Amino acid sequence: MAGDAVGGILLASVTLYALFGGADFGGGLWDLMAGTTARGADPRTLIDESITPVWEANHVWLVFDLVIFWTAFPHAFSAVMVTCALPLWLAVAGIVLRGAGFAFRKELGGLSLRRAAGATFAVSSLVTPFFMGTVIGAIATGAVPADPDRASLSAWTSPTALLSGFLFVAACGYLAAVYLTREAAVRGDWKMQRYFTVRAQIAAIVAGVLSLATLLVLRDANPAMYDRLTGRALPLVVLAGVCGLAVFVMLAADRLRGVPVVAALGVAAVVWGWGVAQYPVLLPGTTLTLNDAGAPHGTLVATIAIAITAVVLVVPSFALLLVLQGRRLLGSGESSTRP
């Protein structure tokens, strides 16, 4: 029972990181695709001003995920870290380089150096979610053994894992474009509203196609997982599709109120669909379950207590940060001029 509770907490935290951290990564995607210095000035300014006050706070959820995973389920944590060592290290490198590029691009003196820092931020924003996605794909296909003795290249380079990586990038871009569309509307910037509306719709189509492709490939890679996704997790899969379609229609009709919530609900449904399909197994293809492979009962209870404390302390602070940002009461402290 305690293992199930901790598993639910872990999945909830993963969802929060996907919704907030994922949107930050997606901002880097649109930064990269904004074009030349002159043509991309307006979208990059909006991206910069939207991300600057909150981008560091969003990694709280990633830290929370990692601490819970290795504390509550050390055996599964070890298996994932060994089998998928390379993509995980590449994802970590992407996070570090992304932060460095985002921080230093305003501080560097030369235009060429600022451009290099901006490119580092943008490219790393694609690298990180892609490799995170390949790890999830490796787990979903059952390519992570319970007792690995070495890293495995084939585990995270299968068609399912690679499609999962591309799906993660598309989902991040989708969330970011939806959030930026709403942000532009709040500011009364109709040009940027239309700009990101088009990109949100394109990203929704791409993410939908990649979702279906990943599901079809998973049918051959892990039939049991596919059966559970199209069985007990089917309502969540359908909810994700309905939310994606609703966002597309709402954007086309210029009905932006509630669009970010619907988009977030759709992405959350994907995450929880994966969790429901996999439950109670931690690593598909193995006997590791939430209750059999967890830490001692006392540790699980302590983890639950700490999670409750974190909710009481962190969530209100995080909500206040988002409210202040939504009301544009937070500033970057300097001009957001970008290369």
Protein backbone atom coordinates (compact mmCIF):
# COMPACT_ATOMS: atom_id res chain seq x y z
CA MET A 1 0.00 0.00 0.00
CA ALA A 2 2.78 2.42 0.89
CA GLY A 3 4.57 1.51 -2.34
CA ASP A 4 1.46 2.35 -4.36
CA ALA A 5 1.16 5.70 -2.61
CA VAL A 6 4.79 6.60 -3.30
CA GLY A 7 4.37 5.47 -6.90
CA GLY A 8 1.42 7.84 -7.25
CA ILE A 9 3.44 10.69 -5.76
CA LEU A 10 6.29 9.97 -8.17
CA LEU A 11 3.96 9.96 -11.17
CA ALA A 12 2.33 13.21 -10.03
CA SER A 13 5.74 14.84 -9.74
CA VAL A 14 6.73 13.57 -13.20
CA THR A 15 3.52 15.12 -14.52
CA LEU A 16 4.34 18.49 -12.99
CA TYR A 17 7.81 18.42 -14.51
CA ALA A 18 6.35 17.54 -17.89
CA LEU A 19 3.86 20.42 -17.74
CA PHE A 20 6.21 23.13 -16.48
CA GLY A 21 9.73 22.02 -17.31
CA GLY A 22 8.50 20.63 -20.62
CA ALA A 23 7.10 24.01 -21.62
CA ASP A 24 10.47 25.59 -20.86
CA PHE A 25 12.18 23.12 -23.17
CA GLY A 26 9.57 23.84 -25.79
CA GLY A 27 10.39 27.53 -25.55
CA GLY A 28 13.91 26.64 -26.62
CA LEU A 29 12.51 24.81 -29.65
CA TRP A 30 10.63 27.89 -30.84
CA ASP A 31 13.67 30.04 -30.03
CA LEU A 32 15.72 27.85 -32.37
CA MET A 33 13.10 28.01 -35.11
CA ALA A 34 12.41 31.75 -34.85
CA GLY A 35 14.76 32.58 -37.70
CA THR A 36 17.28 35.34 -38.15
CA THR A 37 18.13 37.99 -35.59
CA ALA A 38 15.75 40.55 -37.06
CA ARG A 39 12.88 38.23 -37.98
CA GLY A 40 12.99 36.31 -34.71
CA ALA A 41 13.30 39.31 -32.39
CA ASP A 42 9.63 39.48 -31.34
CA PRO A 43 9.01 35.78 -30.62
CA ARG A 44 12.36 35.49 -28.85
CA THR A 45 11.54 38.47 -26.67
CA LEU A 46 8.23 36.91 -25.65
CA ILE A 47 9.90 33.56 -24.97
CA ASP A 48 12.64 35.23 -22.96
CA GLU A 49 10.28 37.31 -20.82
CA SER A 50 8.02 34.32 -20.18
CA ILE A 51 10.79 31.93 -19.16
CA THR A 52 13.20 34.16 -17.25
CA PRO A 53 11.33 34.44 -13.91
CA VAL A 54 10.40 30.75 -13.61
CA TRP A 55 12.84 28.53 -15.52
CA GLU A 56 15.02 27.58 -12.54
CA ALA A 57 12.03 26.84 -10.30
CA ASN A 58 10.66 24.27 -12.75
CA HIS A 59 13.60 21.95 -12.12
CA VAL A 60 12.37 21.51 -8.53
CA TRP A 61 10.11 18.77 -9.87
CA LEU A 62 12.99 16.94 -11.56
CA VAL A 63 15.01 16.96 -8.33
CA PHE A 64 11.93 15.74 -6.48
CA ASP A 65 11.46 12.91 -9.02
CA LEU A 66 15.05 11.73 -8.72
CA VAL A 67 15.10 11.82 -4.92
CA ILE A 68 11.86 9.85 -4.63
CA PHE A 69 12.93 7.32 -7.26
CA TRP A 70 16.30 6.46 -5.75
CA THR A 71 15.00 6.60 -2.15
CA ALA A 72 11.81 4.60 -2.55
CA PHE A 73 12.76 2.26 -5.42
CA PRO A 74 16.57 1.94 -5.37
CA HIS A 75 16.71 -1.35 -7.28
CA ALA A 76 14.72 0.00 -10.23
CA PHE A 77 16.60 3.30 -10.08
CA SER A 78 19.90 1.48 -10.34
CA ALA A 79 18.69 -0.62 -13.26
CA VAL A 80 17.56 2.41 -15.24
CA MET A 81 20.70 4.41 -14.48
CA VAL A 82 22.98 1.57 -15.60
CA THR A 83 21.07 0.49 -18.71
CA CYS A 84 20.37 4.00 -19.98
CA ALA A 85 23.49 5.70 -18.67
CA LEU A 86 24.41 7.42 -21.95
CA PRO A 87 21.07 9.10 -22.75
CA LEU A 88 20.69 10.13 -19.12
CA TRP A 89 24.13 11.75 -19.09
CA LEU A 90 23.34 13.47 -22.40
CA ALA A 91 20.08 14.77 -20.92
CA VAL A 92 21.94 16.08 -17.85
CA ALA A 93 24.53 17.71 -20.10
CA GLY A 94 21.68 19.32 -22.01
CA ILE A 95 20.21 20.75 -18.80
CA VAL A 96 23.58 22.20 -17.77
CA LEU A 97 24.38 23.65 -21.19
CA ARG A 98 20.86 24.99 -21.56
CA GLY A 99 21.12 26.84 -18.27
CA ALA A 100 24.55 28.20 -19.12
CA GLY A 101 23.42 29.38 -22.53
CA PHE A 102 20.29 31.00 -21.14
CA ALA A 103 22.19 32.79 -18.38
CA PHE A 104 25.25 33.93 -20.31
CA ARG A 105 23.70 35.07 -23.56
CA LYS A 106 22.77 38.40 -21.98
CA GLU A 107 26.11 38.85 -20.29
CA LEU A 108 28.47 38.22 -23.19
CA GLY A 109 29.76 41.27 -25.01
CA GLY A 110 30.18 40.23 -28.63
CA LEU A 111 27.27 39.52 -30.95
CA SER A 112 28.84 36.26 -32.13
CA LEU A 113 29.27 35.06 -28.55
CA ARG A 114 25.67 35.96 -27.69
CA ARG A 115 24.51 34.06 -30.73
CA ALA A 116 26.58 31.04 -29.69
CA ALA A 117 25.09 31.15 -26.20
CA GLY A 118 21.59 31.47 -27.66
CA ALA A 119 22.20 28.51 -29.97
CA THR A 120 23.48 26.47 -27.02
CA PHE A 121 20.30 27.24 -25.09
CA ALA A 122 18.06 26.36 -28.03
CA VAL A 123 19.79 23.15 -29.15
CA SER A 124 20.09 21.88 -25.57
CA SER A 125 16.36 22.46 -25.15
CA LEU A 126 15.84 19.80 -27.82
CA VAL A 127 18.57 17.42 -26.69
CA THR A 128 17.29 17.06 -23.12
CA PRO A 129 13.65 16.07 -23.75
CA PHE A 130 14.68 13.84 -26.66
CA PHE A 131 17.02 11.71 -24.55
CA MET A 132 14.61 11.70 -21.63
CA GLY A 133 12.00 10.35 -24.02
CA THR A 134 14.30 7.58 -25.22
CA VAL A 135 14.75 6.44 -21.62
CA ILE A 136 10.98 6.27 -21.10
CA GLY A 137 10.69 4.39 -24.38
CA ALA A 138 13.32 1.91 -23.22
CA ILE A 139 11.40 1.30 -20.00
CA ALA A 140 8.06 0.95 -21.79
CA THR A 141 9.40 -1.65 -24.21
CA GLY A 142 10.79 -3.77 -21.38
CA ALA A 143 14.38 -3.21 -22.49
CA VAL A 144 15.61 -2.37 -18.97
CA PRO A 145 16.47 -5.60 -17.11
CA ALA A 146 16.23 -5.88 -13.35
CA ASP A 147 19.94 -6.59 -12.89
CA PRO A 148 21.93 -5.01 -15.74
CA ASP A 149 25.69 -5.37 -15.69
CA ARG A 150 26.43 -2.73 -18.32
CA ALA A 151 24.90 0.08 -20.29
CA SER A 152 22.89 -0.92 -23.34
CA LEU A 153 22.83 0.97 -26.62
CA SER A 154 20.02 -1.11 -28.10
CA ALA A 155 17.72 -0.45 -25.14
CA TRP A 156 17.25 3.22 -25.98
CA THR A 157 17.79 3.17 -29.76
CA SER A 158 14.86 0.93 -30.68
CA PRO A 159 12.15 2.43 -32.93
CA THR A 160 9.83 2.82 -29.94
CA ALA A 161 12.45 4.58 -27.85
CA LEU A 162 13.47 6.95 -30.64
CA LEU A 163 9.84 7.77 -31.46
CA SER A 164 9.28 8.44 -27.76
CA GLY A 165 12.18 10.89 -27.86
CA PHE A 166 10.69 12.76 -30.80
CA LEU A 167 7.27 12.66 -29.11
CA PHE A 168 8.73 14.30 -26.00
CA VAL A 169 10.20 17.12 -28.11
CA ALA A 170 6.90 17.63 -29.93
CA ALA A 171 4.90 17.63 -26.69
CA CYS A 172 7.23 20.22 -25.17
CA GLY A 173 6.88 22.40 -28.25
CA TYR A 174 3.11 21.99 -28.15
CA LEU A 175 2.81 23.07 -24.52
CA ALA A 176 5.15 26.01 -25.00
CA ALA A 177 3.30 27.27 -28.07
CA VAL A 178 -0.07 27.05 -26.30
CA TYR A 179 1.22 28.84 -23.22
CA LEU A 180 2.91 31.52 -25.34
CA THR A 181 -0.27 32.03 -27.36
CA ARG A 182 -2.16 32.75 -24.18
CA GLU A 183 0.65 34.98 -22.89
CA ALA A 184 0.61 37.01 -26.10
CA ALA A 185 -3.17 37.40 -25.87
CA VAL A 186 -2.93 38.65 -22.28
CA ARG A 187 -0.40 41.23 -23.41
CA GLY A 188 -2.58 42.28 -26.33
CA ASP A 189 0.14 41.31 -28.80
CA TRP A 190 -2.08 40.04 -31.62
CA LYS A 191 0.84 39.46 -33.99
CA MET A 192 2.55 37.08 -31.58
CA GLN A 193 -0.77 35.52 -30.66
CA ARG A 194 -1.32 34.52 -34.27
CA TYR A 195 2.33 33.49 -34.65
CA PHE A 196 2.20 31.00 -31.77
CA THR A 197 -1.36 29.89 -32.55
CA VAL A 198 -0.17 28.51 -35.88
CA ARG A 199 2.79 26.80 -34.24
CA ALA A 200 0.63 25.32 -31.48
CA GLN A 201 -1.68 23.81 -34.08
CA ILE A 202 1.22 22.39 -36.07
CA ALA A 203 2.79 20.97 -32.91
CA ALA A 204 -0.55 19.43 -31.90
CA ILE A 205 -0.76 17.59 -35.23
CA VAL A 206 2.86 16.43 -35.05
CA ALA A 207 2.49 15.25 -31.45
CA GLY A 208 -0.73 13.42 -32.31
CA VAL A 209 0.86 11.62 -35.26
CA LEU A 210 3.92 10.69 -33.20
CA SER A 211 1.69 9.40 -30.39
CA LEU A 212 -0.15 7.07 -32.77
CA ALA A 213 3.11 5.96 -34.40
CA THR A 214 4.67 5.21 -31.01
CA LEU A 215 1.60 3.25 -29.95
CA LEU A 216 1.64 1.17 -33.13
CA VAL A 217 5.34 0.40 -32.86
CA LEU A 218 4.89 -0.53 -29.19
CA ARG A 219 2.41 -3.21 -30.26
CA ASP A 220 5.29 -5.26 -31.65
CA ALA A 221 7.92 -4.16 -29.11
CA ASN A 222 5.86 -4.95 -26.00
CA PRO A 223 2.43 -6.48 -26.74
CA ALA A 224 1.50 -6.67 -23.05
CA MET A 225 2.10 -2.95 -22.56
CA TYR A 226 0.18 -2.18 -25.76
CA ASP A 227 -2.76 -4.28 -24.56
CA ARG A 228 -2.90 -2.40 -21.26
CA LEU A 229 -2.66 0.98 -23.00
CA THR A 230 -5.57 0.05 -25.25
CA GLY A 231 -7.38 -1.67 -22.39
CA ARG A 232 -7.48 -0.33 -18.86
CA ALA A 233 -5.63 2.89 -19.80
CA LEU A 234 -7.80 3.52 -22.88
CA PRO A 235 -9.97 6.23 -21.21
CA LEU A 236 -6.82 8.27 -20.54
CA VAL A 237 -5.57 7.72 -24.08
CA VAL A 238 -8.91 8.88 -25.44
CA LEU A 239 -8.90 11.87 -23.07
CA ALA A 240 -5.49 12.90 -24.39
CA GLY A 241 -6.75 12.76 -27.97
CA VAL A 242 -9.94 14.67 -27.16
CA CYS A 243 -7.96 17.38 -25.37
CA GLY A 244 -5.61 17.74 -28.33
CA LEU A 245 -8.53 18.07 -30.73
CA ALA A 246 -10.26 20.55 -28.41
CA VAL A 247 -7.13 22.72 -28.22
CA PHE A 248 -6.84 22.73 -32.00
CA VAL A 249 -10.48 23.82 -32.41
CA MET A 250 -10.30 26.42 -29.64
CA LEU A 251 -7.21 27.97 -31.19
CA ALA A 252 -8.84 28.02 -34.62
CA ALA A 253 -11.90 29.75 -33.14
CA ASP A 254 -9.70 32.19 -31.20
CA ARG A 255 -11.19 30.93 -27.91
CA LEU A 256 -8.12 31.12 -25.72
CA ARG A 257 -9.67 31.10 -22.27
CA GLY A 258 -8.88 27.76 -20.71
CA VAL A 259 -6.73 26.55 -23.61
CA PRO A 260 -3.56 26.10 -21.48
CA VAL A 261 -5.54 24.05 -18.96
CA VAL A 262 -6.97 21.77 -21.65
CA ALA A 263 -3.53 21.34 -23.24
CA ALA A 264 -1.98 20.53 -19.86
CA LEU A 265 -4.78 18.04 -19.12
CA GLY A 266 -4.08 16.27 -22.41
CA VAL A 267 -0.36 15.91 -21.71
CA ALA A 268 -1.09 14.82 -18.13
CA ALA A 269 -3.44 12.15 -19.51
CA VAL A 270 -0.58 10.77 -21.62
CA VAL A 271 1.70 10.55 -18.57
CA TRP A 272 -0.96 8.92 -16.41
CA GLY A 273 -1.99 6.59 -19.21
CA TRP A 274 1.57 5.28 -19.26
CA GLY A 275 1.51 4.93 -15.46
CA VAL A 276 -1.82 3.10 -15.39
CA ALA A 277 -0.76 0.76 -18.19
CA GLN A 278 2.48 -0.11 -16.43
CA TYR A 279 1.02 -0.47 -12.90
CA PRO A 280 2.00 -2.19 -10.65
CA VAL A 281 5.24 -3.09 -12.45
CA LEU A 282 8.15 -0.68 -12.15
CA LEU A 283 10.12 -2.15 -15.05
CA PRO A 284 8.03 -3.98 -17.67
CA GLY A 285 9.39 -7.42 -18.44
CA THR A 286 10.67 -7.89 -14.89
CA THR A 287 9.15 -8.89 -11.57
CA LEU A 288 9.94 -5.53 -9.94
CA THR A 289 6.70 -4.03 -8.65
CA LEU A 290 5.91 -1.00 -6.51
CA ASN A 291 5.46 -3.08 -3.39
CA ASP A 292 8.02 -5.85 -3.98
CA ALA A 293 10.95 -3.71 -5.11
CA GLY A 294 10.54 -0.75 -2.82
CA ALA A 295 12.61 0.39 0.12
CA PRO A 296 11.74 -0.77 3.66
CA HIS A 297 8.27 0.19 4.85
CA GLY A 298 9.61 2.83 7.22
CA THR A 299 11.46 4.54 4.40
CA LEU A 300 8.33 4.57 2.22
CA VAL A 301 6.27 6.08 5.05
CA ALA A 302 8.94 8.72 5.64
CA THR A 303 8.94 9.49 1.91
CA ILE A 304 5.18 10.02 1.98
CA ALA A 305 5.50 12.34 4.97
CA ILE A 306 8.25 14.34 3.28
CA ALA A 307 6.19 14.58 0.10
CA ILE A 308 3.24 15.96 2.06
CA THR A 309 5.53 18.49 3.72
CA ALA A 310 6.93 19.47 0.33
CA VAL A 311 3.41 20.01 -1.02
CA VAL A 312 2.60 22.28 1.92
CA LEU A 313 5.82 24.29 1.54
CA VAL A 314 6.60 24.23 -2.18
CA VAL A 315 3.26 24.21 -3.99
CA PRO A 316 1.94 27.49 -2.51
CA SER A 317 5.27 29.18 -3.24
CA PHE A 318 5.29 27.85 -6.77
CA ALA A 319 1.68 28.91 -7.30
CA LEU A 320 2.51 32.42 -6.06
CA LEU A 321 5.44 32.57 -8.48
CA LEU A 322 3.17 31.65 -11.39
CA VAL A 323 0.52 34.17 -10.33
CA LEU A 324 3.08 36.95 -10.09
CA GLN A 325 4.47 35.98 -13.46
CA GLY A 326 0.98 35.84 -14.97
CA ARG A 327 0.32 39.36 -13.75
CA ARG A 328 3.71 40.49 -15.07
CA LEU A 329 4.89 41.56 -11.64
CA LEU A 330 8.22 39.80 -12.04
CA GLY A 331 10.97 41.28 -14.16
CA SER A 332 14.25 40.00 -15.47
CA GLY A 333 15.99 43.03 -14.12
CA GLU A 334 17.36 44.05 -17.48
CA SER A 335 16.46 44.48 -21.07
CA SER A 336 15.61 41.27 -22.87
CA THR A 337 17.52 42.23 -25.99
CA ARG A 338 18.64 39.01 -27.64
CA PRO A 339 20.92 38.04 -30.50
